[in-house]
PDB file of all heavy atoms in Angstrom:
ATOM      1  N   VAL A   1       0.804  -1.247  -0.073  1.00  0.00           N
ATOM      2  CA  VAL A   1       0.071  -0.038   0.057  1.00  0.00           C
ATOM      3  C   VAL A   1       0.938   1.348  -0.013  1.00  0.00           C
ATOM      4  O   VAL A   1       0.928   2.008   0.922  1.00  0.00           O
ATOM      5  CB  VAL A   1      -0.970  -0.028   1.272  1.00  0.00           C
ATOM      6  CG1 VAL A   1      -1.990   1.031   1.010  1.00  0.00           C
ATOM      7  CG2 VAL A   1      -1.702  -1.360   1.257  1.00  0.00           C
ATOM      8  N   ARG A   2       1.465   1.539  -1.147  1.00  0.00           N
ATOM      9  CA  ARG A   2       2.328   2.656  -1.345  1.00  0.00           C
ATOM     10  C   ARG A   2       2.633   2.735  -2.846  1.00  0.00           C
ATOM     11  O   ARG A   2       2.547   1.859  -3.670  1.00  0.00           O
ATOM     12  CB  ARG A   2       3.740   2.492  -0.608  1.00  0.00           C
ATOM     13  CG  ARG A   2       4.629   1.171  -0.975  1.00  0.00           C
ATOM     14  CD  ARG A   2       5.918   1.240  -0.192  1.00  0.00           C
ATOM     15  NE  ARG A   2       6.783   0.049  -0.683  1.00  0.00           N
ATOM     16  CZ  ARG A   2       6.661  -1.138  -0.145  1.00  0.00           C
ATOM     17  NH1 ARG A   2       5.825  -1.380   0.969  1.00  0.00           N
ATOM     18  NH2 ARG A   2       7.405  -2.113  -0.519  1.00  0.00           N
ATOM     19  N   LEU A   3       3.100   4.038  -3.164  1.00  0.00           N
ATOM     20  CA  LEU A   3       3.314   4.283  -4.581  1.00  0.00           C
ATOM     21  C   LEU A   3       4.724   3.927  -5.208  1.00  0.00           C
ATOM     22  O   LEU A   3       4.911   3.731  -6.321  1.00  0.00           O
ATOM     23  CB  LEU A   3       3.020   5.758  -4.901  1.00  0.00           C
ATOM     24  CG  LEU A   3       1.667   6.230  -4.591  1.00  0.00           C
ATOM     25  CD1 LEU A   3       1.300   7.606  -5.064  1.00  0.00           C
ATOM     26  CD2 LEU A   3       0.630   5.289  -5.129  1.00  0.00           C
ATOM     27  N   SER A   4       5.674   3.843  -4.199  1.00  0.00           N
ATOM     28  CA  SER A   4       6.948   3.491  -4.631  1.00  0.00           C
ATOM     29  C   SER A   4       7.527   4.197  -5.727  1.00  0.00           C
ATOM     30  O   SER A   4       8.102   3.581  -6.867  1.00  0.00           O
ATOM     31  CB  SER A   4       6.975   1.905  -4.929  1.00  0.00           C
ATOM     32  OG  SER A   4       6.779   1.192  -3.810  1.00  0.00           O
ATOM     33  N   ASN A   5       7.413   5.500  -5.734  1.00  0.00           N
ATOM     34  CA  ASN A   5       8.192   6.456  -6.666  1.00  0.00           C
ATOM     35  C   ASN A   5       7.414   6.194  -8.048  1.00  0.00           C
ATOM     36  O   ASN A   5       8.134   6.425  -9.134  1.00  0.00           O
ATOM     37  CB  ASN A   5       9.573   6.164  -6.752  1.00  0.00           C
ATOM     38  CG  ASN A   5      10.486   7.341  -7.166  1.00  0.00           C
ATOM     39  OD1 ASN A   5      10.011   8.473  -7.352  1.00  0.00           O
ATOM     40  ND2 ASN A   5      11.568   7.140  -7.517  1.00  0.00           N
ATOM     41  N   PHE A   6       6.268   5.958  -8.234  1.00  0.00           N
ATOM     42  CA  PHE A   6       5.502   5.916  -9.509  1.00  0.00           C
ATOM     43  C   PHE A   6       4.513   6.986  -9.726  1.00  0.00           C
ATOM     44  O   PHE A   6       3.603   7.059  -8.906  1.00  0.00           O
ATOM     45  CB  PHE A   6       4.916   4.440  -9.585  1.00  0.00           C
ATOM     46  CG  PHE A   6       4.254   4.142 -10.918  1.00  0.00           C
ATOM     47  CD1 PHE A   6       5.028   4.216 -12.003  1.00  0.00           C
ATOM     48  CD2 PHE A   6       3.019   3.738 -10.936  1.00  0.00           C
ATOM     49  CE1 PHE A   6       4.426   3.965 -13.315  1.00  0.00           C
ATOM     50  CE2 PHE A   6       2.341   3.422 -12.112  1.00  0.00           C
ATOM     51  CZ  PHE A   6       3.041   3.642 -13.316  1.00  0.00           C
ATOM     52  N   LEU A   7       4.665   7.695 -10.686  1.00  0.00           N
ATOM     53  CA  LEU A   7       3.574   8.596 -11.169  1.00  0.00           C
ATOM     54  C   LEU A   7       3.145   9.610  -9.946  1.00  0.00           C
ATOM     55  O   LEU A   7       1.993   9.751  -9.842  1.00  0.00           O
ATOM     56  CB  LEU A   7       2.491   7.908 -11.812  1.00  0.00           C
ATOM     57  CG  LEU A   7       2.774   7.199 -13.175  1.00  0.00           C
ATOM     58  CD1 LEU A   7       1.516   6.572 -13.559  1.00  0.00           C
ATOM     59  CD2 LEU A   7       3.356   8.004 -14.168  1.00  0.00           C
ATOM     60  N   LEU A   8       4.168  10.072  -9.034  1.00  0.00           N
ATOM     61  CA  LEU A   8       3.638  10.811  -8.018  1.00  0.00           C
ATOM     62  C   LEU A   8       3.003  12.143  -8.331  1.00  0.00           C
ATOM     63  O   LEU A   8       2.003  12.428  -7.781  1.00  0.00           O
ATOM     64  CB  LEU A   8       4.947  11.151  -7.124  1.00  0.00           C
ATOM     65  CG  LEU A   8       5.858   9.930  -6.693  1.00  0.00           C
ATOM     66  CD1 LEU A   8       6.947  10.410  -5.972  1.00  0.00           C
ATOM     67  CD2 LEU A   8       5.060   8.991  -5.763  1.00  0.00           C
ATOM     68  N   TRP A   9       3.491  12.836  -9.352  1.00  0.00           N
ATOM     69  CA  TRP A   9       2.852  14.024  -9.742  1.00  0.00           C
ATOM     70  C   TRP A   9       1.430  13.724 -10.379  1.00  0.00           C
ATOM     71  O   TRP A   9       0.524  14.358 -10.136  1.00  0.00           O
ATOM     72  CB  TRP A   9       3.773  14.734 -10.814  1.00  0.00           C
ATOM     73  CG  TRP A   9       3.335  15.989 -11.324  1.00  0.00           C
ATOM     74  CD1 TRP A   9       2.397  16.194 -12.263  1.00  0.00           C
ATOM     75  CD2 TRP A   9       3.593  17.356 -10.936  1.00  0.00           C
ATOM     76  NE1 TRP A   9       2.173  17.604 -12.521  1.00  0.00           N
ATOM     77  CE2 TRP A   9       2.986  18.364 -11.627  1.00  0.00           C
ATOM     78  CE3 TRP A   9       4.641  17.975  -9.971  1.00  0.00           C
ATOM     79  CZ2 TRP A   9       3.070  19.699 -11.589  1.00  0.00           C
ATOM     80  CZ3 TRP A   9       4.616  19.266  -9.875  1.00  0.00           C
ATOM     81  CH2 TRP A   9       3.923  20.219 -10.687  1.00  0.00           C
ATOM     82  N   GLN A  10       1.579  12.795 -11.335  1.00  0.00           N
ATOM     83  CA  GLN A  10       0.307  12.452 -12.050  1.00  0.00           C
ATOM     84  C   GLN A  10      -0.788  11.944 -11.195  1.00  0.00           C
ATOM     85  O   GLN A  10      -1.995  12.020 -11.572  1.00  0.00           O
ATOM     86  CB  GLN A  10       0.655  11.377 -13.130  1.00  0.00           C
ATOM     87  CG  GLN A  10       1.603  11.896 -14.189  1.00  0.00           C
ATOM     88  CD  GLN A  10       3.077  11.684 -13.771  1.00  0.00           C
ATOM     89  OE1 GLN A  10       3.423  11.566 -12.660  1.00  0.00           O
ATOM     90  NE2 GLN A  10       3.978  11.747 -14.815  1.00  0.00           N
ATOM     91  N   ALA A  11      -0.471  11.401 -10.029  1.00  0.00           N
ATOM     92  CA  ALA A  11      -1.418  10.744  -9.128  1.00  0.00           C
ATOM     93  C   ALA A  11      -2.130  11.699  -8.223  1.00  0.00           C
ATOM     94  O   ALA A  11      -2.831  11.332  -7.280  1.00  0.00           O
ATOM     95  CB  ALA A  11      -0.841   9.597  -8.310  1.00  0.00           C
ATOM     96  N   ALA A  12      -1.870  12.900  -8.360  1.00  0.00           N
ATOM     97  CA  ALA A  12      -2.343  13.998  -7.449  1.00  0.00           C
ATOM     98  C   ALA A  12      -3.863  13.870  -7.159  1.00  0.00           C
ATOM     99  O   ALA A  12      -4.267  13.992  -6.058  1.00  0.00           O
ATOM    100  CB  ALA A  12      -2.019  15.383  -7.935  1.00  0.00           C
ATOM    101  N   TYR A  13      -4.611  13.597  -8.116  1.00  0.00           N
ATOM    102  CA  TYR A  13      -6.063  13.454  -8.035  1.00  0.00           C
ATOM    103  C   TYR A  13      -6.595  12.093  -8.640  1.00  0.00           C
ATOM    104  O   TYR A  13      -7.689  11.928  -8.905  1.00  0.00           O
ATOM    105  CB  TYR A  13      -6.931  14.659  -8.719  1.00  0.00           C
ATOM    106  CG  TYR A  13      -6.744  15.917  -7.874  1.00  0.00           C
ATOM    107  CD1 TYR A  13      -5.806  16.788  -8.386  1.00  0.00           C
ATOM    108  CD2 TYR A  13      -7.392  16.028  -6.765  1.00  0.00           C
ATOM    109  CE1 TYR A  13      -5.563  18.048  -7.638  1.00  0.00           C
ATOM    110  CE2 TYR A  13      -7.181  17.203  -6.027  1.00  0.00           C
ATOM    111  CZ  TYR A  13      -6.291  18.270  -6.374  1.00  0.00           C
ATOM    112  OH  TYR A  13      -6.210  19.383  -5.687  1.00  0.00           O
ATOM    113  N   ALA A  14      -5.613  11.122  -8.837  1.00  0.00           N
ATOM    114  CA  ALA A  14      -6.009   9.875  -9.410  1.00  0.00           C
ATOM    115  C   ALA A  14      -6.832   9.064  -8.265  1.00  0.00           C
ATOM    116  O   ALA A  14      -6.330   9.139  -7.078  1.00  0.00           O
ATOM    117  CB  ALA A  14      -4.887   9.172  -9.797  1.00  0.00           C
ATOM    118  N   GLU A  15      -7.617   8.159  -8.595  1.00  0.00           N
ATOM    119  CA  GLU A  15      -8.176   7.289  -7.763  1.00  0.00           C
ATOM    120  C   GLU A  15      -7.059   5.994  -7.562  1.00  0.00           C
ATOM    121  O   GLU A  15      -6.290   5.853  -8.504  1.00  0.00           O
ATOM    122  CB  GLU A  15      -9.500   6.508  -8.300  1.00  0.00           C
ATOM    123  CG  GLU A  15     -10.601   7.658  -8.218  1.00  0.00           C
ATOM    124  CD  GLU A  15     -10.972   8.117  -6.907  1.00  0.00           C
ATOM    125  OE1 GLU A  15     -11.059   7.404  -5.956  1.00  0.00           O
ATOM    126  OE2 GLU A  15     -11.111   9.524  -6.682  1.00  0.00           O
ATOM    127  N   MET A  16      -7.147   5.410  -6.360  1.00  0.00           N
ATOM    128  CA  MET A  16      -6.188   4.287  -6.223  1.00  0.00           C
ATOM    129  C   MET A  16      -6.816   3.009  -5.786  1.00  0.00           C
ATOM    130  O   MET A  16      -7.807   3.062  -5.150  1.00  0.00           O
ATOM    131  CB  MET A  16      -5.066   4.745  -5.226  1.00  0.00           C
ATOM    132  CG  MET A  16      -4.255   5.935  -5.716  1.00  0.00           C
ATOM    133  SD  MET A  16      -3.003   6.404  -4.579  1.00  0.00           S
ATOM    134  CE  MET A  16      -2.539   8.018  -5.232  1.00  0.00           C
ATOM    135  N   SER A  17      -6.346   1.941  -6.229  1.00  0.00           N
ATOM    136  CA  SER A  17      -6.692   0.586  -5.880  1.00  0.00           C
ATOM    137  C   SER A  17      -5.581  -0.268  -5.582  1.00  0.00           C
ATOM    138  O   SER A  17      -4.565  -0.521  -6.257  1.00  0.00           O
ATOM    139  CB  SER A  17      -7.421   0.050  -7.046  1.00  0.00           C
ATOM    140  OG  SER A  17      -8.013  -1.234  -6.789  1.00  0.00           O
ATOM    141  N   PHE A  18      -5.495  -0.748  -4.282  1.00  0.00           N
ATOM    142  CA  PHE A  18      -4.425  -1.678  -3.804  1.00  0.00           C
ATOM    143  C   PHE A  18      -4.971  -3.117  -3.641  1.00  0.00           C
ATOM    144  O   PHE A  18      -5.962  -3.337  -2.796  1.00  0.00           O
ATOM    145  CB  PHE A  18      -3.801  -1.155  -2.423  1.00  0.00           C
ATOM    146  CG  PHE A  18      -3.191   0.311  -2.702  1.00  0.00           C
ATOM    147  CD1 PHE A  18      -3.944   1.400  -2.274  1.00  0.00           C
ATOM    148  CD2 PHE A  18      -1.815   0.357  -3.159  1.00  0.00           C
ATOM    149  CE1 PHE A  18      -3.510   2.572  -2.448  1.00  0.00           C
ATOM    150  CE2 PHE A  18      -1.386   1.587  -3.357  1.00  0.00           C
ATOM    151  CZ  PHE A  18      -2.095   2.804  -3.012  1.00  0.00           C
ATOM    152  N   LEU A  19      -4.558  -3.935  -4.471  1.00  0.00           N
ATOM    153  CA  LEU A  19      -5.063  -5.361  -4.413  1.00  0.00           C
ATOM    154  C   LEU A  19      -4.068  -6.414  -3.937  1.00  0.00           C
ATOM    155  O   LEU A  19      -2.955  -6.223  -3.979  1.00  0.00           O
ATOM    156  CB  LEU A  19      -5.426  -5.663  -5.942  1.00  0.00           C
ATOM    157  CG  LEU A  19      -6.289  -4.773  -6.685  1.00  0.00           C
ATOM    158  CD1 LEU A  19      -6.510  -5.325  -8.112  1.00  0.00           C
ATOM    159  CD2 LEU A  19      -7.567  -4.573  -5.933  1.00  0.00           C
ATOM    160  N   ASP A  20      -4.581  -7.262  -3.126  1.00  0.00           N
ATOM    161  CA  ASP A  20      -3.842  -8.420  -2.496  1.00  0.00           C
ATOM    162  C   ASP A  20      -3.727  -9.520  -3.446  1.00  0.00           C
ATOM    163  O   ASP A  20      -4.120 -10.621  -3.135  1.00  0.00           O
ATOM    164  CB  ASP A  20      -4.502  -8.692  -1.219  1.00  0.00           C
ATOM    165  CG  ASP A  20      -3.645  -9.680  -0.400  1.00  0.00           C
ATOM    166  OD1 ASP A  20      -2.406  -9.538  -0.502  1.00  0.00           O
ATOM    167  OD2 ASP A  20      -4.118 -10.377   0.518  1.00  0.00           O
ATOM    168  N   VAL A  21      -3.241  -9.084  -4.667  1.00  0.00           N
ATOM    169  CA  VAL A  21      -3.061 -10.288  -5.777  1.00  0.00           C
ATOM    170  C   VAL A  21      -1.702 -10.069  -6.209  1.00  0.00           C
ATOM    171  O   VAL A  21      -1.241  -8.989  -6.672  1.00  0.00           O
ATOM    172  CB  VAL A  21      -4.156 -10.020  -6.891  1.00  0.00           C
ATOM    173  CG1 VAL A  21      -3.902 -11.110  -8.058  1.00  0.00           C
ATOM    174  CG2 VAL A  21      -5.591 -10.062  -6.286  1.00  0.00           C
ATOM    175  N   LEU A  22      -0.899 -11.172  -6.329  1.00  0.00           N
ATOM    176  CA  LEU A  22       0.444 -11.130  -6.840  1.00  0.00           C
ATOM    177  C   LEU A  22       0.400 -10.908  -8.320  1.00  0.00           C
ATOM    178  O   LEU A  22      -0.590 -11.581  -9.035  1.00  0.00           O
ATOM    179  CB  LEU A  22       1.316 -12.447  -6.517  1.00  0.00           C
ATOM    180  CG  LEU A  22       1.362 -12.719  -5.015  1.00  0.00           C
ATOM    181  CD1 LEU A  22       2.050 -13.968  -4.787  1.00  0.00           C
ATOM    182  CD2 LEU A  22       2.154 -11.516  -4.430  1.00  0.00           C
ATOM    183  N   TRP A  23       1.210 -10.135  -8.964  1.00  0.00           N
ATOM    184  CA  TRP A  23       1.069  -9.715 -10.355  1.00  0.00           C
ATOM    185  C   TRP A  23       0.884 -10.951 -11.324  1.00  0.00           C
ATOM    186  O   TRP A  23       0.080 -10.845 -12.158  1.00  0.00           O
ATOM    187  CB  TRP A  23       2.312  -8.881 -10.705  1.00  0.00           C
ATOM    188  CG  TRP A  23       2.061  -8.485 -12.271  1.00  0.00           C
ATOM    189  CD1 TRP A  23       2.884  -9.113 -13.172  1.00  0.00           C
ATOM    190  CD2 TRP A  23       1.065  -7.724 -12.884  1.00  0.00           C
ATOM    191  NE1 TRP A  23       2.397  -8.657 -14.544  1.00  0.00           N
ATOM    192  CE2 TRP A  23       1.283  -7.751 -14.326  1.00  0.00           C
ATOM    193  CE3 TRP A  23       0.044  -6.953 -12.358  1.00  0.00           C
ATOM    194  CZ2 TRP A  23       0.488  -7.152 -15.111  1.00  0.00           C
ATOM    195  CZ3 TRP A  23      -0.785  -6.355 -13.325  1.00  0.00           C
ATOM    196  CH2 TRP A  23      -0.558  -6.367 -14.725  1.00  0.00           C
ATOM    197  N   PRO A  24       1.560 -12.072 -11.218  1.00  0.00           N
ATOM    198  CA  PRO A  24       1.413 -13.132 -12.160  1.00  0.00           C
ATOM    199  C   PRO A  24      -0.013 -13.637 -12.216  1.00  0.00           C
ATOM    200  O   PRO A  24      -0.358 -14.289 -13.138  1.00  0.00           O
ATOM    201  CB  PRO A  24       2.357 -14.205 -11.817  1.00  0.00           C
ATOM    202  CG  PRO A  24       3.504 -13.422 -11.005  1.00  0.00           C
ATOM    203  CD  PRO A  24       2.877 -12.261 -10.358  1.00  0.00           C
ATOM    204  N   ASP A  25      -0.723 -13.473 -10.943  1.00  0.00           N
ATOM    205  CA  ASP A  25      -2.129 -13.886 -10.916  1.00  0.00           C
ATOM    206  C   ASP A  25      -3.134 -12.858 -11.339  1.00  0.00           C
ATOM    207  O   ASP A  25      -4.366 -13.226 -11.271  1.00  0.00           O
ATOM    208  CB  ASP A  25      -2.417 -14.422  -9.546  1.00  0.00           C
ATOM    209  CG  ASP A  25      -1.594 -15.611  -9.065  1.00  0.00           C
ATOM    210  OD1 ASP A  25      -1.315 -16.439  -9.925  1.00  0.00           O
ATOM    211  OD2 ASP A  25      -1.180 -15.810  -7.866  1.00  0.00           O
ATOM    212  N   PHE A  26      -2.709 -11.645 -11.618  1.00  0.00           N
ATOM    213  CA  PHE A  26      -3.458 -10.579 -12.139  1.00  0.00           C
ATOM    214  C   PHE A  26      -4.128 -10.753 -13.340  1.00  0.00           C
ATOM    215  O   PHE A  26      -3.401 -11.175 -14.459  1.00  0.00           O
ATOM    216  CB  PHE A  26      -2.819  -9.295 -11.941  1.00  0.00           C
ATOM    217  CG  PHE A  26      -3.696  -8.091 -12.221  1.00  0.00           C
ATOM    218  CD1 PHE A  26      -4.297  -7.526 -11.092  1.00  0.00           C
ATOM    219  CD2 PHE A  26      -3.868  -7.496 -13.430  1.00  0.00           C
ATOM    220  CE1 PHE A  26      -5.186  -6.320 -11.140  1.00  0.00           C
ATOM    221  CE2 PHE A  26      -4.535  -6.290 -13.564  1.00  0.00           C
ATOM    222  CZ  PHE A  26      -5.335  -5.788 -12.461  1.00  0.00           C
ATOM    223  N   THR A  27      -5.412 -10.697 -13.544  1.00  0.00           N
ATOM    224  CA  THR A  27      -6.227 -11.127 -14.793  1.00  0.00           C
ATOM    225  C   THR A  27      -6.864  -9.856 -15.345  1.00  0.00           C
ATOM    226  O   THR A  27      -7.199  -9.000 -14.563  1.00  0.00           O
ATOM    227  CB  THR A  27      -7.121 -12.238 -14.627  1.00  0.00           C
ATOM    228  OG1 THR A  27      -8.179 -11.823 -13.720  1.00  0.00           O
ATOM    229  CG2 THR A  27      -6.457 -13.517 -13.946  1.00  0.00           C
ATOM    230  N   PRO A  28      -7.283 -10.042 -16.539  1.00  0.00           N
ATOM    231  CA  PRO A  28      -8.230  -9.007 -16.999  1.00  0.00           C
ATOM    232  C   PRO A  28      -9.478  -8.808 -16.226  1.00  0.00           C
ATOM    233  O   PRO A  28     -10.077  -7.675 -16.027  1.00  0.00           O
ATOM    234  CB  PRO A  28      -8.540  -9.404 -18.390  1.00  0.00           C
ATOM    235  CG  PRO A  28      -7.459 -10.233 -18.918  1.00  0.00           C
ATOM    236  CD  PRO A  28      -7.008 -10.826 -17.629  1.00  0.00           C
ATOM    237  N   GLU A  29      -9.952  -9.871 -15.608  1.00  0.00           N
ATOM    238  CA  GLU A  29     -11.186  -9.806 -14.700  1.00  0.00           C
ATOM    239  C   GLU A  29     -10.798  -8.925 -13.453  1.00  0.00           C
ATOM    240  O   GLU A  29     -11.784  -8.187 -12.910  1.00  0.00           O
ATOM    241  CB  GLU A  29     -11.509 -11.240 -14.364  1.00  0.00           C
ATOM    242  CG  GLU A  29     -12.174 -11.947 -15.285  1.00  0.00           C
ATOM    243  CD  GLU A  29     -11.240 -12.540 -16.473  1.00  0.00           C
ATOM    244  OE1 GLU A  29     -10.049 -12.715 -16.043  1.00  0.00           O
ATOM    245  OE2 GLU A  29     -11.593 -12.722 -17.556  1.00  0.00           O
ATOM    246  N   HIS A  30      -9.579  -9.031 -12.909  1.00  0.00           N
ATOM    247  CA  HIS A  30      -9.226  -8.182 -11.734  1.00  0.00           C
ATOM    248  C   HIS A  30      -9.211  -6.653 -12.267  1.00  0.00           C
ATOM    249  O   HIS A  30      -9.705  -5.742 -11.593  1.00  0.00           O
ATOM    250  CB  HIS A  30      -7.817  -8.475 -11.277  1.00  0.00           C
ATOM    251  CG  HIS A  30      -7.665  -9.676 -10.570  1.00  0.00           C
ATOM    252  ND1 HIS A  30      -7.214 -10.901 -11.044  1.00  0.00           N
ATOM    253  CD2 HIS A  30      -8.264 -10.107  -9.278  1.00  0.00           C
ATOM    254  CE1 HIS A  30      -7.128 -11.833 -10.181  1.00  0.00           C
ATOM    255  NE2 HIS A  30      -7.944 -11.386  -9.191  1.00  0.00           N
TER     256      HIS A  30
END
């Protein structure tokens, strides 16, 4: 649950979603 130096400026008003899914298991359905 952190941004880790990714799109900090661009995320000023972005919505965020933190998922408890490891990336290899991430699907289009997620």
